[in-house]
Amino acid sequence: MQQKIEILDFNNEELLNTFWDWTSDIPDELLNLHVHIWSKWGGAYKPKKNGQPNIIIGRFEYGNRYIILVTISSSPKIIAKTPNITDEQMKNLEEGINYVSRNYDLFLKHYNSQFDDVELFEALKKRQL
């Protein structure tokens, strides 16, 4: 059975006011991707989307907004997304999904507050070397 994917409505002010809570924007120089990744932390202190640790991937500039929420695992699954993602945008998002897959253990440590932001950034940097 295919998992239902929630559609994210960024016209919903309540969603916008809470969506970015408890996230850290991974520096672009660590990613070298066409998308941003916002790693969540403090997972033990907040409800999980669909009961699973998750991470945000996408772009959020005016006129260029597309976001997906994926599970943090070796095989991330999309659990929520903005509507009308183009094929080109999805290709960029898949780069981000692959990055999360390769580094899921580090993102889980951050999510579970075993790493702070600096420790996560340092661990990701070491892994690139």
C-alpha atoms as a PDB file:
ATOM      1  CA  MET A   1       0.000   0.000   0.000  1.00  0.00           C
ATOM      2  CA  GLN A   2       1.405   3.370  -1.022  1.00  0.00           C
ATOM      3  CA  GLN A   3       1.850   5.913   1.736  1.00  0.00           C
ATOM      4  CA  LYS A   4      -0.350   9.006   1.512  1.00  0.00           C
ATOM      5  CA  ILE A   5       1.642  12.192   0.884  1.00  0.00           C
ATOM      6  CA  GLU A   6       0.311  15.280   2.640  1.00  0.00           C
ATOM      7  CA  ILE A   7       0.127  18.475   0.574  1.00  0.00           C
ATOM      8  CA  LEU A   8       1.756  21.455   2.321  1.00  0.00           C
ATOM      9  CA  ASP A   9      -0.168  24.708   1.990  1.00  0.00           C
ATOM     10  CA  PHE A  10       2.173  27.651   2.536  1.00  0.00           C
ATOM     11  CA  ASN A  11      -0.786  30.018   2.383  1.00  0.00           C
ATOM     12  CA  ASN A  12      -1.700  28.555   5.791  1.00  0.00           C
ATOM     13  CA  GLU A  13      -0.233  31.026   8.301  1.00  0.00           C
ATOM     14  CA  GLU A  14      -0.378  28.526  11.171  1.00  0.00           C
ATOM     15  CA  LEU A  15       1.727  26.066   9.158  1.00  0.00           C
ATOM     16  CA  LEU A  16       4.257  28.757   8.287  1.00  0.00           C
ATOM     17  CA  ASN A  17       4.513  29.827  11.919  1.00  0.00           C
ATOM     18  CA  THR A  18       5.405  26.302  13.072  1.00  0.00           C
ATOM     19  CA  PHE A  19       6.974  24.529  10.093  1.00  0.00           C
ATOM     20  CA  TRP A  20      10.484  25.909  10.590  1.00  0.00           C
ATOM     21  CA  ASP A  21      10.502  25.552  14.390  1.00  0.00           C
ATOM     22  CA  TRP A  22      13.443  23.565  15.686  1.00  0.00           C
ATOM     23  CA  THR A  23      15.334  23.477  12.373  1.00  0.00           C
ATOM     24  CA  SER A  24      18.891  24.287  11.328  1.00  0.00           C
ATOM     25  CA  ASP A  25      19.708  25.309   7.769  1.00  0.00           C
ATOM     26  CA  ILE A  26      22.685  23.236   6.612  1.00  0.00           C
ATOM     27  CA  PRO A  27      25.308  25.618   5.141  1.00  0.00           C
ATOM     28  CA  ASP A  28      25.375  25.564   1.320  1.00  0.00           C
ATOM     29  CA  GLU A  29      29.126  24.937   1.233  1.00  0.00           C
ATOM     30  CA  LEU A  30      28.552  21.588   2.971  1.00  0.00           C
ATOM     31  CA  LEU A  31      25.809  20.528   0.601  1.00  0.00           C
ATOM     32  CA  ASN A  32      26.898  21.641  -2.869  1.00  0.00           C
ATOM     33  CA  LEU A  33      23.325  20.878  -4.006  1.00  0.00           C
ATOM     34  CA  HIS A  34      20.597  22.764  -5.868  1.00  0.00           C
ATOM     35  CA  VAL A  35      18.378  22.580  -2.763  1.00  0.00           C
ATOM     36  CA  HIS A  36      18.588  23.442   0.921  1.00  0.00           C
ATOM     37  CA  ILE A  37      18.250  20.982   3.767  1.00  0.00           C
ATOM     38  CA  TRP A  38      16.777  22.018   7.090  1.00  0.00           C
ATOM     39  CA  SER A  39      17.723  19.502   9.746  1.00  0.00           C
ATOM     40  CA  LYS A  40      15.304  19.196  12.641  1.00  0.00           C
ATOM     41  CA  TRP A  41      16.472  18.791  16.224  1.00  0.00           C
ATOM     42  CA  GLY A  42      14.873  18.214  19.601  1.00  0.00           C
ATOM     43  CA  GLY A  43      12.753  15.378  18.209  1.00  0.00           C
ATOM     44  CA  ALA A  44      12.125  13.902  21.635  1.00  0.00           C
ATOM     45  CA  TYR A  45      10.338  17.102  22.628  1.00  0.00           C
ATOM     46  CA  LYS A  46       7.870  17.459  19.779  1.00  0.00           C
ATOM     47  CA  PRO A  47       5.399  15.302  17.857  1.00  0.00           C
ATOM     48  CA  LYS A  48       6.765  13.499  14.815  1.00  0.00           C
ATOM     49  CA  LYS A  49       5.090  13.824  11.421  1.00  0.00           C
ATOM     50  CA  ASN A  50       3.518  10.414  10.715  1.00  0.00           C
ATOM     51  CA  GLY A  51       5.303   9.150  13.838  1.00  0.00           C
ATOM     52  CA  GLN A  52       8.725   9.297  12.168  1.00  0.00           C
ATOM     53  CA  PRO A  53      11.778  11.549  12.439  1.00  0.00           C
ATOM     54  CA  ASN A  54      11.848  13.802   9.392  1.00  0.00           C
ATOM     55  CA  ILE A  55      13.837  16.464   7.599  1.00  0.00           C
ATOM     56  CA  ILE A  56      12.957  19.293   5.182  1.00  0.00           C
ATOM     57  CA  ILE A  57      14.440  19.558   1.671  1.00  0.00           C
ATOM     58  CA  GLY A  58      13.752  22.247  -0.912  1.00  0.00           C
ATOM     59  CA  ARG A  59      13.956  25.910  -1.865  1.00  0.00           C
ATOM     60  CA  PHE A  60      12.100  28.713  -0.165  1.00  0.00           C
ATOM     61  CA  GLU A  61      12.913  31.883  -2.055  1.00  0.00           C
ATOM     62  CA  TYR A  62      10.139  34.181  -3.212  1.00  0.00           C
ATOM     63  CA  GLY A  63       8.940  32.882  -6.561  1.00  0.00           C
ATOM     64  CA  ASN A  64      10.865  29.624  -6.172  1.00  0.00           C
ATOM     65  CA  ARG A  65       9.237  27.669  -3.353  1.00  0.00           C
ATOM     66  CA  TYR A  66       9.108  23.923  -3.349  1.00  0.00           C
ATOM     67  CA  ILE A  67       9.522  21.760  -0.290  1.00  0.00           C
ATOM     68  CA  ILE A  68       9.327  18.102   0.648  1.00  0.00           C
ATOM     69  CA  LEU A  69       9.369  16.517   4.073  1.00  0.00           C
ATOM     70  CA  VAL A  70      11.117  13.125   4.123  1.00  0.00           C
ATOM     71  CA  THR A  71      11.764  10.500   6.743  1.00  0.00           C
ATOM     72  CA  ILE A  72      15.295  10.298   8.119  1.00  0.00           C
ATOM     73  CA  SER A  73      16.461   6.831   7.097  1.00  0.00           C
ATOM     74  CA  SER A  74      18.722   5.006   4.673  1.00  0.00           C
ATOM     75  CA  SER A  75      15.711   5.002   2.300  1.00  0.00           C
ATOM     76  CA  PRO A  76      13.944   8.324   2.914  1.00  0.00           C
ATOM     77  CA  LYS A  77      10.254   8.452   2.010  1.00  0.00           C
ATOM     78  CA  ILE A  78       8.385  11.625   1.083  1.00  0.00           C
ATOM     79  CA  ILE A  79       5.656  12.239   3.664  1.00  0.00           C
ATOM     80  CA  ALA A  80       4.613  15.781   2.698  1.00  0.00           C
ATOM     81  CA  LYS A  81       5.246  18.185  -0.174  1.00  0.00           C
ATOM     82  CA  THR A  82       4.196  21.432  -1.753  1.00  0.00           C
ATOM     83  CA  PRO A  83       1.897  21.071  -4.774  1.00  0.00           C
ATOM     84  CA  ASN A  84       2.946  21.399  -8.420  1.00  0.00           C
ATOM     85  CA  ILE A  85       6.590  20.332  -8.151  1.00  0.00           C
ATOM     86  CA  THR A  86       8.102  20.298 -11.656  1.00  0.00           C
ATOM     87  CA  ASP A  87      10.283  17.499 -13.043  1.00  0.00           C
ATOM     88  CA  GLU A  88      13.354  19.764 -12.797  1.00  0.00           C
ATOM     89  CA  GLN A  89      12.573  20.612  -9.166  1.00  0.00           C
ATOM     90  CA  MET A  90      12.024  16.920  -8.367  1.00  0.00           C
ATOM     91  CA  LYS A  91      15.432  16.110  -9.874  1.00  0.00           C
ATOM     92  CA  ASN A  92      16.980  18.674  -7.499  1.00  0.00           C
ATOM     93  CA  LEU A  93      14.986  17.288  -4.573  1.00  0.00           C
ATOM     94  CA  GLU A  94      16.226  13.771  -5.352  1.00  0.00           C
ATOM     95  CA  GLU A  95      19.812  15.054  -4.900  1.00  0.00           C
ATOM     96  CA  GLY A  96      18.764  16.173  -1.427  1.00  0.00           C
ATOM     97  CA  ILE A  97      17.053  12.845  -0.697  1.00  0.00           C
ATOM     98  CA  ASN A  98      20.250  11.011  -1.674  1.00  0.00           C
ATOM     99  CA  TYR A  99      22.284  13.305   0.602  1.00  0.00           C
ATOM    100  CA  VAL A 100      19.952  12.529   3.528  1.00  0.00           C
ATOM    101  CA  SER A 101      20.198   8.809   2.738  1.00  0.00           C
ATOM    102  CA  ARG A 102      24.018   8.895   2.793  1.00  0.00           C
ATOM    103  CA  ASN A 103      24.083  10.847   6.054  1.00  0.00           C
ATOM    104  CA  TYR A 104      20.933   9.649   7.805  1.00  0.00           C
ATOM    105  CA  ASP A 105      22.824   8.487  10.911  1.00  0.00           C
ATOM    106  CA  LEU A 106      24.175  12.020  11.474  1.00  0.00           C
ATOM    107  CA  PHE A 107      20.774  13.619  10.892  1.00  0.00           C
ATOM    108  CA  LEU A 108      19.181  11.177  13.359  1.00  0.00           C
ATOM    109  CA  LYS A 109      21.737  12.142  15.999  1.00  0.00           C
ATOM    110  CA  HIS A 110      20.864  15.793  15.412  1.00  0.00           C
ATOM    111  CA  TYR A 111      17.140  15.058  15.458  1.00  0.00           C
ATOM    112  CA  ASN A 112      17.495  13.211  18.765  1.00  0.00           C
ATOM    113  CA  SER A 113      19.647  16.016  20.256  1.00  0.00           C
ATOM    114  CA  GLN A 114      22.762  13.849  20.442  1.00  0.00           C
ATOM    115  CA  PHE A 115      24.476  16.440  18.198  1.00  0.00           C
ATOM    116  CA  ASP A 116      24.072  20.203  18.327  1.00  0.00           C
ATOM    117  CA  ASP A 117      24.188  22.218  15.090  1.00  0.00           C
ATOM    118  CA  VAL A 118      27.970  22.708  15.124  1.00  0.00           C
ATOM    119  CA  GLU A 119      28.620  19.007  15.757  1.00  0.00           C
ATOM    120  CA  LEU A 120      26.325  18.090  12.868  1.00  0.00           C
ATOM    121  CA  PHE A 121      28.048  20.525  10.509  1.00  0.00           C
ATOM    122  CA  GLU A 122      31.498  19.232  11.536  1.00  0.00           C
ATOM    123  CA  ALA A 123      30.459  15.592  11.090  1.00  0.00           C
ATOM    124  CA  LEU A 124      29.010  16.320   7.630  1.00  0.00           C
ATOM    125  CA  LYS A 125      32.177  18.159   6.657  1.00  0.00           C
ATOM    126  CA  LYS A 126      34.393  15.261   7.814  1.00  0.00           C
ATOM    127  CA  ARG A 127      32.305  12.819   5.824  1.00  0.00           C
ATOM    128  CA  GLN A 128      32.947  14.822   2.634  1.00  0.00           C
ATOM    129  CA  LEU A 129      36.712  14.524   2.961  1.00  0.00           C
END
